[in-house]
N, C-alpha and C. Protein backbone atom coordinates (compact mmCIF):
# COMPACT_ATOMS: atom_id res chain seq x y z
N MET A 1 3.83 -1.13 30.37
CA MET A 1 4.81 -1.26 29.32
C MET A 1 5.56 -2.58 29.52
N THR A 2 5.78 -3.28 28.44
CA THR A 2 6.49 -4.55 28.47
C THR A 2 7.99 -4.29 28.43
N THR A 3 8.72 -4.95 29.32
CA THR A 3 10.17 -4.83 29.33
C THR A 3 10.75 -6.04 28.63
N ARG A 4 11.57 -5.76 27.62
CA ARG A 4 12.25 -6.83 26.89
C ARG A 4 13.74 -6.60 26.97
N THR A 5 14.46 -7.69 26.99
CA THR A 5 15.91 -7.59 26.99
C THR A 5 16.39 -7.81 25.57
N ARG A 6 17.12 -6.85 25.07
CA ARG A 6 17.70 -6.94 23.74
C ARG A 6 19.16 -6.58 23.82
N LYS A 7 19.89 -7.12 22.89
CA LYS A 7 21.28 -6.75 22.75
C LYS A 7 21.32 -5.32 22.19
N PRO A 8 22.12 -4.44 22.78
CA PRO A 8 22.21 -3.08 22.25
C PRO A 8 22.64 -3.09 20.78
N LEU A 9 22.07 -2.20 20.02
CA LEU A 9 22.40 -2.06 18.61
C LEU A 9 23.59 -1.13 18.49
N GLU A 10 24.62 -1.59 17.84
CA GLU A 10 25.81 -0.76 17.65
C GLU A 10 25.78 -0.16 16.25
N LEU A 11 25.86 1.16 16.20
CA LEU A 11 25.84 1.88 14.93
C LEU A 11 27.12 2.68 14.77
N ASN A 12 27.69 2.66 13.56
CA ASN A 12 28.81 3.55 13.32
C ASN A 12 28.26 4.96 13.07
N ASP A 13 29.13 5.94 13.06
CA ASP A 13 28.70 7.33 12.92
C ASP A 13 27.95 7.57 11.61
N HIS A 14 28.39 6.95 10.54
CA HIS A 14 27.75 7.15 9.23
C HIS A 14 26.31 6.63 9.26
N THR A 15 26.12 5.42 9.77
CA THR A 15 24.78 4.84 9.84
C THR A 15 23.88 5.65 10.77
N ALA A 16 24.40 6.06 11.91
CA ALA A 16 23.62 6.87 12.85
C ALA A 16 23.18 8.17 12.20
N SER A 17 24.07 8.79 11.44
CA SER A 17 23.74 10.03 10.74
C SER A 17 22.65 9.80 9.70
N ASP A 18 22.75 8.71 8.96
CA ASP A 18 21.74 8.40 7.93
C ASP A 18 20.37 8.14 8.56
N VAL A 19 20.34 7.42 9.67
CA VAL A 19 19.08 7.15 10.36
C VAL A 19 18.48 8.46 10.88
N ALA A 20 19.32 9.31 11.44
CA ALA A 20 18.85 10.60 11.93
C ALA A 20 18.25 11.42 10.80
N GLU A 21 18.84 11.35 9.62
CA GLU A 21 18.32 12.10 8.47
C GLU A 21 16.93 11.60 8.07
N ILE A 22 16.71 10.30 8.14
CA ILE A 22 15.38 9.74 7.85
C ILE A 22 14.36 10.30 8.84
N PHE A 23 14.70 10.29 10.12
CA PHE A 23 13.76 10.78 11.11
C PHE A 23 13.56 12.29 11.01
N ARG A 24 14.58 13.01 10.60
CA ARG A 24 14.42 14.46 10.36
C ARG A 24 13.43 14.68 9.23
N ALA A 25 13.54 13.87 8.18
CA ALA A 25 12.61 13.99 7.05
C ALA A 25 11.18 13.72 7.49
N LEU A 26 11.01 12.81 8.43
CA LEU A 26 9.68 12.46 8.91
C LEU A 26 9.14 13.47 9.92
N SER A 27 9.93 14.45 10.30
CA SER A 27 9.49 15.43 11.28
C SER A 27 8.71 16.58 10.65
N ASP A 28 8.51 16.55 9.35
CA ASP A 28 7.80 17.61 8.64
C ASP A 28 6.36 17.17 8.35
N THR A 29 5.38 17.95 8.79
CA THR A 29 3.97 17.60 8.63
C THR A 29 3.59 17.42 7.17
N SER A 30 4.07 18.26 6.29
CA SER A 30 3.74 18.12 4.86
C SER A 30 4.28 16.81 4.30
N ARG A 31 5.48 16.45 4.69
CA ARG A 31 6.05 15.18 4.21
C ARG A 31 5.26 13.99 4.74
N ILE A 32 4.80 14.09 5.97
CA ILE A 32 3.97 13.01 6.54
C ILE A 32 2.69 12.88 5.72
N LYS A 33 2.06 13.99 5.38
CA LYS A 33 0.84 13.94 4.57
C LYS A 33 1.12 13.36 3.19
N LEU A 34 2.25 13.70 2.61
CA LEU A 34 2.61 13.16 1.30
C LEU A 34 2.84 11.65 1.38
N LEU A 35 3.56 11.20 2.39
CA LEU A 35 3.80 9.77 2.55
C LEU A 35 2.49 9.03 2.82
N ALA A 36 1.60 9.63 3.61
CA ALA A 36 0.31 9.00 3.89
C ALA A 36 -0.49 8.83 2.60
N ALA A 37 -0.45 9.83 1.74
CA ALA A 37 -1.15 9.73 0.45
C ALA A 37 -0.56 8.61 -0.40
N LEU A 38 0.76 8.47 -0.36
CA LEU A 38 1.43 7.46 -1.18
C LEU A 38 1.26 6.03 -0.66
N ILE A 39 0.76 5.88 0.56
CA ILE A 39 0.48 4.53 1.08
C ILE A 39 -0.50 3.83 0.13
N GLY A 40 -1.40 4.59 -0.47
CA GLY A 40 -2.39 4.03 -1.39
C GLY A 40 -1.83 3.69 -2.76
N GLY A 41 -0.60 4.06 -3.04
CA GLY A 41 0.01 3.76 -4.33
C GLY A 41 0.51 5.02 -5.02
N GLU A 42 0.99 4.83 -6.22
CA GLU A 42 1.60 5.89 -7.01
C GLU A 42 0.63 7.05 -7.26
N MET A 43 1.16 8.27 -7.19
CA MET A 43 0.35 9.48 -7.45
C MET A 43 1.19 10.50 -8.20
N HIS A 44 0.51 11.34 -8.99
CA HIS A 44 1.22 12.42 -9.68
C HIS A 44 1.26 13.67 -8.80
N VAL A 45 2.13 14.58 -9.16
CA VAL A 45 2.40 15.76 -8.33
C VAL A 45 1.13 16.54 -8.01
N GLY A 46 0.26 16.74 -9.00
CA GLY A 46 -0.97 17.49 -8.76
C GLY A 46 -1.86 16.84 -7.72
N ALA A 47 -1.99 15.53 -7.78
CA ALA A 47 -2.81 14.81 -6.81
C ALA A 47 -2.18 14.86 -5.42
N LEU A 48 -0.86 14.78 -5.37
CA LEU A 48 -0.16 14.89 -4.08
C LEU A 48 -0.34 16.28 -3.48
N ALA A 49 -0.28 17.30 -4.32
CA ALA A 49 -0.48 18.67 -3.83
C ALA A 49 -1.86 18.82 -3.21
N ALA A 50 -2.87 18.29 -3.90
CA ALA A 50 -4.24 18.36 -3.38
C ALA A 50 -4.37 17.57 -2.07
N ALA A 51 -3.77 16.40 -2.01
CA ALA A 51 -3.88 15.55 -0.82
C ALA A 51 -3.21 16.20 0.39
N ALA A 52 -2.09 16.86 0.17
CA ALA A 52 -1.34 17.46 1.28
C ALA A 52 -1.72 18.91 1.54
N GLY A 53 -2.48 19.51 0.63
CA GLY A 53 -2.87 20.90 0.80
C GLY A 53 -1.71 21.87 0.64
N ILE A 54 -0.78 21.54 -0.27
CA ILE A 54 0.37 22.40 -0.54
C ILE A 54 0.51 22.59 -2.04
N SER A 55 1.36 23.50 -2.45
CA SER A 55 1.55 23.78 -3.88
C SER A 55 2.33 22.66 -4.56
N GLU A 56 2.20 22.60 -5.87
CA GLU A 56 2.95 21.60 -6.64
C GLU A 56 4.45 21.82 -6.51
N SER A 57 4.88 23.08 -6.44
CA SER A 57 6.32 23.34 -6.29
C SER A 57 6.80 22.86 -4.92
N ALA A 58 5.97 23.00 -3.89
CA ALA A 58 6.34 22.49 -2.57
C ALA A 58 6.41 20.96 -2.59
N VAL A 59 5.47 20.32 -3.29
CA VAL A 59 5.52 18.86 -3.43
C VAL A 59 6.84 18.46 -4.07
N SER A 60 7.20 19.11 -5.16
CA SER A 60 8.44 18.78 -5.86
C SER A 60 9.65 18.94 -4.94
N HIS A 61 9.65 19.99 -4.15
CA HIS A 61 10.75 20.22 -3.20
C HIS A 61 10.83 19.08 -2.19
N HIS A 62 9.70 18.74 -1.58
CA HIS A 62 9.69 17.66 -0.59
C HIS A 62 10.05 16.32 -1.22
N MET A 63 9.54 16.06 -2.42
CA MET A 63 9.82 14.78 -3.08
C MET A 63 11.29 14.65 -3.44
N ARG A 64 11.91 15.75 -3.82
CA ARG A 64 13.35 15.72 -4.13
C ARG A 64 14.13 15.27 -2.89
N HIS A 65 13.76 15.83 -1.74
CA HIS A 65 14.43 15.45 -0.49
C HIS A 65 14.17 13.98 -0.16
N LEU A 66 12.94 13.53 -0.28
CA LEU A 66 12.61 12.14 0.02
C LEU A 66 13.25 11.18 -0.97
N ARG A 67 13.40 11.61 -2.22
CA ARG A 67 14.09 10.79 -3.23
C ARG A 67 15.56 10.62 -2.87
N GLN A 68 16.19 11.69 -2.42
CA GLN A 68 17.60 11.63 -2.03
C GLN A 68 17.82 10.64 -0.88
N LEU A 69 16.82 10.49 -0.04
CA LEU A 69 16.89 9.56 1.09
C LEU A 69 16.41 8.16 0.70
N ARG A 70 16.06 7.96 -0.55
CA ARG A 70 15.55 6.69 -1.08
C ARG A 70 14.27 6.24 -0.39
N MET A 71 13.45 7.23 -0.01
CA MET A 71 12.15 6.92 0.59
C MET A 71 11.06 6.83 -0.47
N VAL A 72 11.24 7.56 -1.56
CA VAL A 72 10.30 7.52 -2.69
C VAL A 72 11.11 7.41 -3.98
N HIS A 73 10.42 7.01 -5.04
CA HIS A 73 11.04 7.05 -6.36
C HIS A 73 10.05 7.70 -7.32
N ALA A 74 10.57 8.18 -8.43
CA ALA A 74 9.76 8.92 -9.39
C ALA A 74 9.84 8.26 -10.76
N ARG A 75 8.79 8.49 -11.54
CA ARG A 75 8.81 8.13 -12.95
C ARG A 75 8.06 9.21 -13.71
N LYS A 76 8.51 9.46 -14.91
CA LYS A 76 7.87 10.47 -15.76
C LYS A 76 7.00 9.78 -16.79
N ASP A 77 5.86 10.38 -17.05
CA ASP A 77 4.97 9.95 -18.12
C ASP A 77 4.59 11.22 -18.86
N GLY A 78 5.28 11.48 -19.96
CA GLY A 78 5.08 12.75 -20.65
C GLY A 78 5.60 13.87 -19.78
N ARG A 79 4.72 14.83 -19.50
CA ARG A 79 5.11 15.96 -18.67
C ARG A 79 4.79 15.76 -17.19
N GLN A 80 4.11 14.69 -16.87
CA GLN A 80 3.74 14.45 -15.47
C GLN A 80 4.78 13.57 -14.78
N VAL A 81 4.99 13.87 -13.51
CA VAL A 81 5.88 13.07 -12.68
C VAL A 81 5.03 12.34 -11.64
N PHE A 82 5.24 11.04 -11.56
CA PHE A 82 4.53 10.20 -10.60
C PHE A 82 5.51 9.73 -9.53
N TYR A 83 5.03 9.68 -8.31
CA TYR A 83 5.85 9.24 -7.19
C TYR A 83 5.21 8.03 -6.52
N ALA A 84 6.06 7.20 -5.94
CA ALA A 84 5.61 6.04 -5.15
C ALA A 84 6.61 5.83 -4.03
N LEU A 85 6.15 5.18 -2.97
CA LEU A 85 7.06 4.82 -1.89
C LEU A 85 8.08 3.83 -2.42
N ASP A 86 9.30 3.96 -1.95
CA ASP A 86 10.40 3.21 -2.55
C ASP A 86 10.37 1.72 -2.26
N ASP A 87 10.03 1.35 -1.04
CA ASP A 87 10.02 -0.09 -0.73
C ASP A 87 9.18 -0.36 0.51
N GLN A 88 9.02 -1.62 0.81
CA GLN A 88 8.19 -2.04 1.94
C GLN A 88 8.73 -1.54 3.28
N HIS A 89 10.04 -1.33 3.39
CA HIS A 89 10.61 -0.82 4.65
C HIS A 89 10.03 0.54 5.00
N ILE A 90 9.89 1.39 4.00
CA ILE A 90 9.35 2.73 4.23
C ILE A 90 7.90 2.64 4.64
N ILE A 91 7.14 1.79 3.97
CA ILE A 91 5.73 1.60 4.31
C ILE A 91 5.61 1.10 5.75
N ASP A 92 6.41 0.09 6.10
CA ASP A 92 6.36 -0.47 7.46
C ASP A 92 6.73 0.57 8.51
N LEU A 93 7.79 1.33 8.26
CA LEU A 93 8.21 2.36 9.20
C LEU A 93 7.10 3.37 9.42
N PHE A 94 6.50 3.82 8.33
CA PHE A 94 5.44 4.82 8.41
C PHE A 94 4.23 4.27 9.15
N LEU A 95 3.77 3.08 8.77
CA LEU A 95 2.58 2.49 9.40
C LEU A 95 2.81 2.19 10.87
N ARG A 96 4.01 1.77 11.24
CA ARG A 96 4.31 1.53 12.66
C ARG A 96 4.26 2.84 13.45
N GLY A 97 4.77 3.90 12.86
CA GLY A 97 4.71 5.20 13.53
C GLY A 97 3.28 5.65 13.75
N VAL A 98 2.45 5.49 12.73
CA VAL A 98 1.03 5.86 12.84
C VAL A 98 0.35 4.98 13.89
N ALA A 99 0.60 3.67 13.85
CA ALA A 99 -0.02 2.76 14.82
C ALA A 99 0.40 3.10 16.24
N HIS A 100 1.65 3.49 16.42
CA HIS A 100 2.14 3.86 17.75
C HIS A 100 1.36 5.05 18.29
N ILE A 101 1.15 6.05 17.46
CA ILE A 101 0.41 7.25 17.87
C ILE A 101 -1.05 6.92 18.13
N GLN A 102 -1.65 6.15 17.25
CA GLN A 102 -3.08 5.85 17.37
C GLN A 102 -3.39 4.93 18.54
N SER A 103 -2.45 4.07 18.92
CA SER A 103 -2.71 3.13 20.02
C SER A 103 -2.52 3.77 21.39
N GLY A 104 -1.77 4.85 21.43
CA GLY A 104 -1.52 5.52 22.70
C GLY A 104 -0.50 4.81 23.56
N ASP A 105 0.13 3.77 23.02
CA ASP A 105 1.14 3.01 23.79
C ASP A 105 2.49 3.65 23.66
């Protein structure tokens, strides 16, 4: 393991709580599967349900939570709701987590 010297990061209670909430959201296997599916781009609820192996109502529940955390955003097209990852920060965070696990480091 490489040892690096960094200045400690100082977080106020509000920021620490918000960061903890992001990591709590990422601790759910279904949400991880949903985010992994969205790495490829925007998807509608039915496709997300199939990709994650959960019901459409469960997808909607998880997406509502992820939307509140600004991890995903939604758009409606008629009666269908499409979701996409909110920004590059979310994609980077997710991909770094996957790379960390896959590399074994």
